Amino acid sequence: MTSYLIKFFLTISFTTLLSTFVQAEVVDTIEQVFEVSQPASFRLDNVNGSVAISAWEHSTIKVIATVTASSQDDRDNIAIDMQPSSQGVKVETRYKEREGWGRNSHNNSAKVEYVVKVPSSTILSLIDIVNGSLTIDDVKGSVQAQLVNGSIKAKGLASNSEFSSVNGSIKVHYREFADELESISLETVNGSIKASVPKPLNAQVDAETTHGSIKTDFGLVVKKNLFSGYHMSEKIGSGDVRINMASVNGSVKLSSH
C-alpha cells in the first residue's frame, strides 16, 4: 500500500510539473502586410529563429512573425519592429537591454520564426541571422544574406547574390540568369557548397577549399594546394558572370541543369 501511494503521488507531481511547463510556454503571432512599389527592397535582422522567404503574385510584402518563449517575461522582453519605407520594408528582432533596445538575446529563451511573402522582383538587400536557417524560393531580385549558425537553401534565383555562413552549408539553384547578373558569391567556414546553374554558362569560376573537394560539371581543372585543400580558377565561354565559391571545412560543387 505504501509503495502504491508513493507511485501515485510521484505520478501526480510529475503530471503537475509537466502541465506547468507546458502552460509556461508563450506563443505569439504577429502579421503585417505592406503595399510596395516594384522593384521593392526587403531587409530582415533576426537573432534566434529560422526565416523563410518566397515569391508570390501580389504587389505586397507579407510578414508573419511567430514568437515562442518559455515565459511571459521573456516574451515581453522581445520586440518585432516592422518599418515601411519608400524603397520597401525593414524588419528587425530586438531584445531588451539594460540601456535601451538592441539585438542582445543573452538569458532570453525567446525565438522568432519568420515567414515572408514578397513580389518575385524584390531585392533582398540584407538578410542577417545569428542562429537559424534561411530558405528562399523564386525571388528573382538580387540577394545578400549572412548567417552565423545556420544553413542556406535558395532556389529559383536569377540575379546577383552574396551568401555567407560561418557554421552551415549553402545550397543554391539558379533557374535562369538575368541580363544584369554580374556576380555570385558563396562562402562558408564549416559546411559544404552546392550551386546549380543553367546552361550555357559564360563565367569566370573561382573556387577554393582547405579541407574538402571541388567538383564541377564543366570539366574544369582543379589544382591541389601546397599544403591542404584545392583551388580552381577557370574561364567558361566569355566569362561574363563571376562565380566565387569558398569553404574552409567542406566540399564545393558546381553543377548544371
Protein backbone atom coordinates (compact mmCIF):
# COMPACT_ATOMS: atom_id res chain seq x y z
CA MET A 1 0.00 0.00 0.00
CA THR A 2 2.84 2.38 0.87
CA SER A 3 4.56 1.68 -2.46
CA TYR A 4 1.32 2.34 -4.34
CA LEU A 5 0.83 5.70 -2.58
CA ILE A 6 4.40 6.76 -3.34
CA LYS A 7 3.94 5.94 -7.03
CA PHE A 8 0.59 7.75 -7.04
CA PHE A 9 2.00 10.95 -5.54
CA LEU A 10 5.07 10.82 -7.79
CA THR A 11 2.80 10.49 -10.83
CA ILE A 12 0.64 13.41 -9.71
CA SER A 13 3.70 15.56 -9.01
CA PHE A 14 5.26 14.78 -12.38
CA THR A 15 1.99 15.48 -14.19
CA THR A 16 1.60 18.78 -12.38
CA LEU A 17 5.20 19.76 -13.18
CA LEU A 18 4.77 18.83 -16.85
CA SER A 19 1.49 20.74 -17.06
CA THR A 20 3.13 23.79 -15.53
CA PHE A 21 6.00 23.58 -18.02
CA VAL A 22 3.67 23.27 -20.99
CA GLN A 23 1.47 26.11 -19.79
CA ALA A 24 4.51 28.33 -19.28
CA GLU A 25 5.36 28.38 -22.99
CA VAL A 26 4.13 31.50 -24.72
CA VAL A 27 3.42 31.64 -28.46
CA ASP A 28 2.52 34.91 -30.16
CA THR A 29 1.96 35.57 -33.88
CA ILE A 30 2.30 38.99 -35.50
CA GLU A 31 1.24 39.57 -39.11
CA GLN A 32 1.50 42.66 -41.29
CA VAL A 33 1.02 43.37 -44.99
CA PHE A 34 2.73 46.27 -46.80
CA GLU A 35 1.88 47.79 -50.16
CA VAL A 36 5.12 48.30 -52.12
CA SER A 37 6.20 49.63 -55.47
CA GLN A 38 8.27 47.35 -57.66
CA PRO A 39 11.04 46.51 -57.52
CA ALA A 40 10.85 46.76 -53.74
CA SER A 41 13.60 46.05 -51.23
CA PHE A 42 13.36 43.93 -48.11
CA ARG A 43 15.71 43.70 -45.15
CA LEU A 44 15.48 41.47 -42.07
CA ASP A 45 17.63 41.15 -38.94
CA ASN A 46 16.92 38.17 -36.70
CA VAL A 47 18.80 36.69 -33.75
CA ASN A 48 17.20 33.33 -32.94
CA GLY A 49 14.90 31.58 -35.38
CA SER A 50 14.52 30.46 -38.97
CA VAL A 51 13.50 32.66 -41.90
CA ALA A 52 11.55 31.52 -44.98
CA ILE A 53 11.09 33.95 -47.90
CA SER A 54 9.11 33.08 -51.03
CA ALA A 55 7.70 34.94 -54.01
CA TRP A 56 4.02 35.39 -54.74
CA GLU A 57 1.94 37.21 -57.38
CA HIS A 58 0.74 40.10 -55.21
CA SER A 59 2.28 43.59 -55.14
CA THR A 60 2.59 43.43 -51.37
CA ILE A 61 5.06 42.16 -48.80
CA LYS A 62 3.51 39.99 -46.11
CA VAL A 63 5.44 39.26 -42.91
CA ILE A 64 4.37 36.65 -40.36
CA ALA A 65 6.47 36.54 -37.18
CA THR A 66 5.89 33.75 -34.68
CA VAL A 67 7.42 34.40 -31.27
CA THR A 68 7.96 31.44 -28.94
CA ALA A 69 9.20 31.90 -25.36
CA SER A 70 9.32 29.78 -22.24
CA SER A 71 7.84 32.57 -20.12
CA GLN A 72 5.79 35.74 -20.46
CA ASP A 73 8.74 37.77 -19.15
CA ASP A 74 10.93 36.56 -22.00
CA ARG A 75 8.13 37.30 -24.45
CA ASP A 76 7.73 40.83 -23.08
CA ASN A 77 11.45 41.45 -23.50
CA ILE A 78 11.37 41.00 -27.25
CA ALA A 79 10.03 43.38 -29.90
CA ILE A 80 9.30 42.95 -33.60
CA ASP A 81 9.96 46.18 -35.44
CA MET A 82 8.45 46.38 -38.95
CA GLN A 83 9.08 49.64 -40.77
CA PRO A 84 7.93 50.53 -44.31
CA SER A 85 9.96 52.97 -46.39
CA SER A 86 9.92 54.45 -49.86
CA GLN A 87 12.15 51.59 -51.01
CA GLY A 88 10.40 48.71 -49.25
CA VAL A 89 10.24 47.13 -45.80
CA LYS A 90 12.73 46.64 -42.96
CA VAL A 91 12.12 44.11 -40.16
CA GLU A 92 14.19 43.74 -37.01
CA THR A 93 14.05 41.47 -33.95
CA ARG A 94 15.09 43.43 -30.88
CA TYR A 95 15.80 42.23 -27.34
CA LYS A 96 15.52 44.48 -24.32
CA GLU A 97 18.79 45.54 -22.73
CA ARG A 98 19.58 47.49 -19.59
CA GLU A 99 20.20 50.59 -21.63
CA GLY A 100 17.63 50.74 -24.39
CA TRP A 101 16.87 48.12 -27.01
CA GLY A 102 19.16 46.05 -29.18
CA ARG A 103 19.99 42.59 -30.52
CA ASN A 104 21.24 41.20 -27.19
CA SER A 105 19.49 37.87 -26.54
CA HIS A 106 21.55 36.67 -23.56
CA ASN A 107 19.47 34.78 -20.99
CA ASN A 108 16.35 35.06 -23.13
CA SER A 109 14.58 31.92 -24.31
CA ALA A 110 12.53 33.65 -26.98
CA LYS A 111 12.95 32.87 -30.65
CA VAL A 112 11.22 34.37 -33.67
CA GLU A 113 10.47 32.44 -36.84
CA TYR A 114 9.60 34.49 -39.92
CA VAL A 115 7.55 33.54 -42.97
CA VAL A 116 7.72 36.27 -45.62
CA LYS A 117 5.94 36.65 -48.96
CA VAL A 118 7.36 39.12 -51.49
CA PRO A 119 6.89 40.06 -55.17
CA SER A 120 9.31 37.99 -57.26
CA SER A 121 11.32 41.06 -58.34
CA THR A 122 12.03 42.08 -54.73
CA ILE A 123 15.62 42.91 -53.80
CA LEU A 124 16.67 41.18 -50.58
CA SER A 125 19.10 43.90 -49.56
CA LEU A 126 20.27 42.09 -46.42
CA ILE A 127 19.03 39.04 -44.53
CA ASP A 128 21.05 38.85 -41.31
CA ILE A 129 20.56 35.84 -38.98
CA VAL A 130 22.62 34.81 -35.96
CA ASN A 131 21.05 31.44 -35.04
CA GLY A 132 18.69 29.99 -37.60
CA SER A 133 18.34 28.68 -41.13
CA LEU A 134 17.31 30.56 -44.28
CA THR A 135 15.21 29.37 -47.23
CA ILE A 136 14.42 31.42 -50.33
CA ASP A 137 12.05 30.39 -53.13
CA ASP A 138 11.67 32.06 -56.55
CA VAL A 139 12.95 35.52 -55.62
CA LYS A 140 14.48 36.90 -58.81
CA GLY A 141 15.88 40.15 -57.42
CA SER A 142 19.42 40.43 -56.05
CA VAL A 143 20.11 38.80 -52.68
CA GLN A 144 22.55 39.41 -49.86
CA ALA A 145 22.40 37.12 -46.82
CA GLN A 146 24.77 36.44 -43.94
CA LEU A 147 24.33 33.81 -41.23
CA VAL A 148 26.40 32.80 -38.23
CA ASN A 149 24.89 29.45 -37.25
CA GLY A 150 22.55 28.12 -39.90
CA SER A 151 22.21 26.62 -43.36
CA ILE A 152 21.06 28.38 -46.54
CA LYS A 153 18.80 26.87 -49.20
CA ALA A 154 17.76 29.09 -52.11
CA LYS A 155 16.12 28.08 -55.38
CA GLY A 156 14.69 29.91 -58.36
CA LEU A 157 17.31 32.66 -58.21
CA ALA A 158 18.22 34.87 -61.17
CA SER A 159 20.22 37.95 -60.12
CA ASN A 160 23.37 38.98 -58.26
CA SER A 161 23.73 37.18 -54.96
CA GLU A 162 26.05 37.04 -51.98
CA PHE A 163 25.58 34.27 -49.43
CA SER A 164 27.78 33.59 -46.41
CA SER A 165 27.58 31.40 -43.31
CA VAL A 166 30.06 30.66 -40.55
CA ASN A 167 28.56 27.34 -39.48
CA GLY A 168 26.25 25.97 -42.12
CA SER A 169 26.00 24.59 -45.65
CA ILE A 170 24.92 26.61 -48.69
CA LYS A 171 22.78 25.17 -51.48
CA VAL A 172 21.59 27.45 -54.30
CA HIS A 173 19.76 26.92 -57.59
CA TYR A 174 19.58 29.49 -60.39
CA ARG A 175 16.60 28.87 -62.63
CA GLU A 176 17.85 31.48 -65.10
CA PHE A 177 20.41 34.25 -65.36
CA ALA A 178 19.02 37.77 -65.52
CA ASP A 179 20.59 40.12 -68.05
CA GLU A 180 22.00 42.27 -65.24
CA LEU A 181 23.61 39.32 -63.39
CA GLU A 182 27.29 40.01 -62.74
CA SER A 183 28.39 38.00 -59.71
CA ILE A 184 27.60 35.06 -57.44
CA SER A 185 29.47 34.73 -54.15
CA LEU A 186 29.11 31.70 -51.85
CA GLU A 187 31.28 31.43 -48.73
CA THR A 188 31.19 29.28 -45.59
CA VAL A 189 33.65 28.23 -42.92
CA ASN A 190 32.08 24.99 -41.74
CA GLY A 191 29.83 23.47 -44.37
CA SER A 192 29.54 22.37 -47.98
CA ILE A 193 28.58 24.47 -51.01
CA LYS A 194 26.38 23.26 -53.87
CA ALA A 195 25.43 25.55 -56.75
CA SER A 196 23.30 24.62 -59.74
CA VAL A 197 23.36 26.94 -62.78
CA PRO A 198 21.74 26.86 -66.24
CA LYS A 199 23.50 26.01 -69.49
CA PRO A 200 25.06 27.50 -71.50
CA LEU A 201 27.33 29.13 -68.93
CA ASN A 202 29.63 32.07 -69.56
CA ALA A 203 31.50 32.66 -66.34
CA GLN A 204 34.78 33.14 -64.56
CA VAL A 205 34.72 30.46 -61.86
CA ASP A 206 36.94 30.66 -58.78
CA ALA A 207 36.70 28.06 -56.02
CA GLU A 208 38.79 27.13 -53.00
CA THR A 209 38.68 24.68 -50.11
CA THR A 210 41.03 23.98 -47.23
CA HIS A 211 39.54 20.65 -46.18
CA GLY A 212 37.30 19.35 -48.94
CA SER A 213 36.98 18.53 -52.62
CA ILE A 214 35.99 20.65 -55.65
CA LYS A 215 33.80 19.18 -58.39
CA THR A 216 32.09 20.65 -61.47
CA ASP A 217 30.00 19.50 -64.44
CA PHE A 218 32.07 21.68 -66.78
CA GLY A 219 35.34 19.76 -66.97
CA LEU A 220 37.32 22.50 -65.24
CA VAL A 221 40.85 21.96 -63.96
CA VAL A 222 41.12 21.64 -60.18
CA LYS A 223 44.56 22.06 -58.60
CA LYS A 224 45.85 20.89 -55.25
CA ASN A 225 47.06 23.46 -52.76
CA LEU A 226 50.62 23.31 -51.49
CA PHE A 227 49.68 22.05 -48.04
CA SER A 228 46.00 21.10 -47.97
CA GLY A 229 42.83 21.58 -49.95
CA TYR A 230 42.20 22.54 -53.56
CA HIS A 231 41.65 25.60 -55.71
CA MET A 232 40.36 26.41 -59.17
CA SER A 233 40.29 29.46 -61.42
CA GLU A 234 38.82 28.80 -64.85
CA LYS A 235 37.00 30.73 -67.55
CA ILE A 236 33.95 29.30 -69.32
CA GLY A 237 32.94 30.93 -72.60
CA SER A 238 33.06 34.73 -72.47
CA GLY A 239 33.30 34.77 -68.66
CA ASP A 240 30.52 37.33 -68.25
CA VAL A 241 29.46 36.22 -64.76
CA ARG A 242 31.91 35.94 -61.89
CA ILE A 243 31.25 32.94 -59.64
CA ASN A 244 33.19 32.65 -56.38
CA MET A 245 32.85 29.68 -54.02
CA ALA A 246 34.95 29.11 -50.90
CA SER A 247 34.73 26.73 -47.95
CA VAL A 248 37.25 26.03 -45.21
CA ASN A 249 35.79 22.77 -43.92
CA GLY A 250 33.57 21.38 -46.64
CA SER A 251 33.30 20.37 -50.27
CA VAL A 252 32.35 22.60 -53.22
CA LYS A 253 30.31 21.53 -56.23
CA LEU A 254 29.15 23.46 -59.31
CA SER A 255 26.57 21.58 -61.36
CA SER A 256 24.44 22.38 -64.42
CA HIS A 257 20.83 21.83 -65.40
